[in-house]
Amino acid sequence: RGFEKMTDKEIDEVYRHASKHIRSINKRLNPNNTYLERKQ
């Protein structure tokens, strides 16, 4: 199942959903890590 078969809207939703989780996991692992915040 490849990403190229997904619509832009689907990819956007997946990305937003994933980055929400990545951010909270990141905060738990390393509260001082600003990598994701800088990229936004």
C-alpha atoms as a PDB file:
ATOM      1  CA  ARG A   1       0.000   0.000   0.000  1.00  0.00           C
ATOM      2  CA  GLY A   2       1.871   3.023  -1.261  1.00  0.00           C
ATOM      3  CA  PHE A   3       1.603   6.707  -0.461  1.00  0.00           C
ATOM      4  CA  GLU A   4       1.318   7.569  -4.141  1.00  0.00           C
ATOM      5  CA  LYS A   5      -2.165   6.020  -4.133  1.00  0.00           C
ATOM      6  CA  MET A   6      -3.350   8.419  -1.434  1.00  0.00           C
ATOM      7  CA  THR A   7      -4.910  11.808  -2.070  1.00  0.00           C
ATOM      8  CA  ASP A   8      -3.254  14.987  -0.820  1.00  0.00           C
ATOM      9  CA  LYS A   9      -6.003  15.341   1.784  1.00  0.00           C
ATOM     10  CA  GLU A  10      -5.383  11.825   3.119  1.00  0.00           C
ATOM     11  CA  ILE A  11      -1.638  12.345   3.258  1.00  0.00           C
ATOM     12  CA  ASP A  12      -2.180  15.644   5.066  1.00  0.00           C
ATOM     13  CA  GLU A  13      -4.415  13.995   7.651  1.00  0.00           C
ATOM     14  CA  VAL A  14      -2.005  11.115   8.197  1.00  0.00           C
ATOM     15  CA  TYR A  15       0.866  13.566   8.564  1.00  0.00           C
ATOM     16  CA  ARG A  16      -0.993  15.784  11.006  1.00  0.00           C
ATOM     17  CA  HIS A  17      -2.082  12.765  13.052  1.00  0.00           C
ATOM     18  CA  ALA A  18       1.426  11.313  13.110  1.00  0.00           C
ATOM     19  CA  SER A  19       3.172  14.558  14.015  1.00  0.00           C
ATOM     20  CA  LYS A  20       0.790  15.003  16.957  1.00  0.00           C
ATOM     21  CA  HIS A  21       1.948  11.632  18.313  1.00  0.00           C
ATOM     22  CA  ILE A  22       5.585  12.267  17.448  1.00  0.00           C
ATOM     23  CA  ARG A  23       5.472  15.577  19.314  1.00  0.00           C
ATOM     24  CA  SER A  24       4.071  14.088  22.517  1.00  0.00           C
ATOM     25  CA  ILE A  25       6.420  11.095  22.402  1.00  0.00           C
ATOM     26  CA  ASN A  26       9.273  13.501  21.746  1.00  0.00           C
ATOM     27  CA  LYS A  27       8.331  15.661  24.726  1.00  0.00           C
ATOM     28  CA  ARG A  28       8.267  12.609  26.960  1.00  0.00           C
ATOM     29  CA  LEU A  29      11.638  11.361  25.768  1.00  0.00           C
ATOM     30  CA  ASN A  30      13.413  14.702  25.566  1.00  0.00           C
ATOM     31  CA  PRO A  31      11.559  17.774  26.906  1.00  0.00           C
ATOM     32  CA  ASN A  32      14.298  20.100  25.642  1.00  0.00           C
ATOM     33  CA  ASN A  33      14.205  18.870  22.050  1.00  0.00           C
ATOM     34  CA  THR A  34      12.895  21.684  19.836  1.00  0.00           C
ATOM     35  CA  TYR A  35      13.487  19.890  16.503  1.00  0.00           C
ATOM     36  CA  LEU A  36       9.802  19.402  15.656  1.00  0.00           C
ATOM     37  CA  GLU A  37       8.745  22.839  16.828  1.00  0.00           C
ATOM     38  CA  ARG A  38      11.370  24.450  14.597  1.00  0.00           C
ATOM     39  CA  LYS A  39      10.140  22.525  11.549  1.00  0.00           C
ATOM     40  CA  GLN A  40       6.497  23.632  11.924  1.00  0.00           C
END
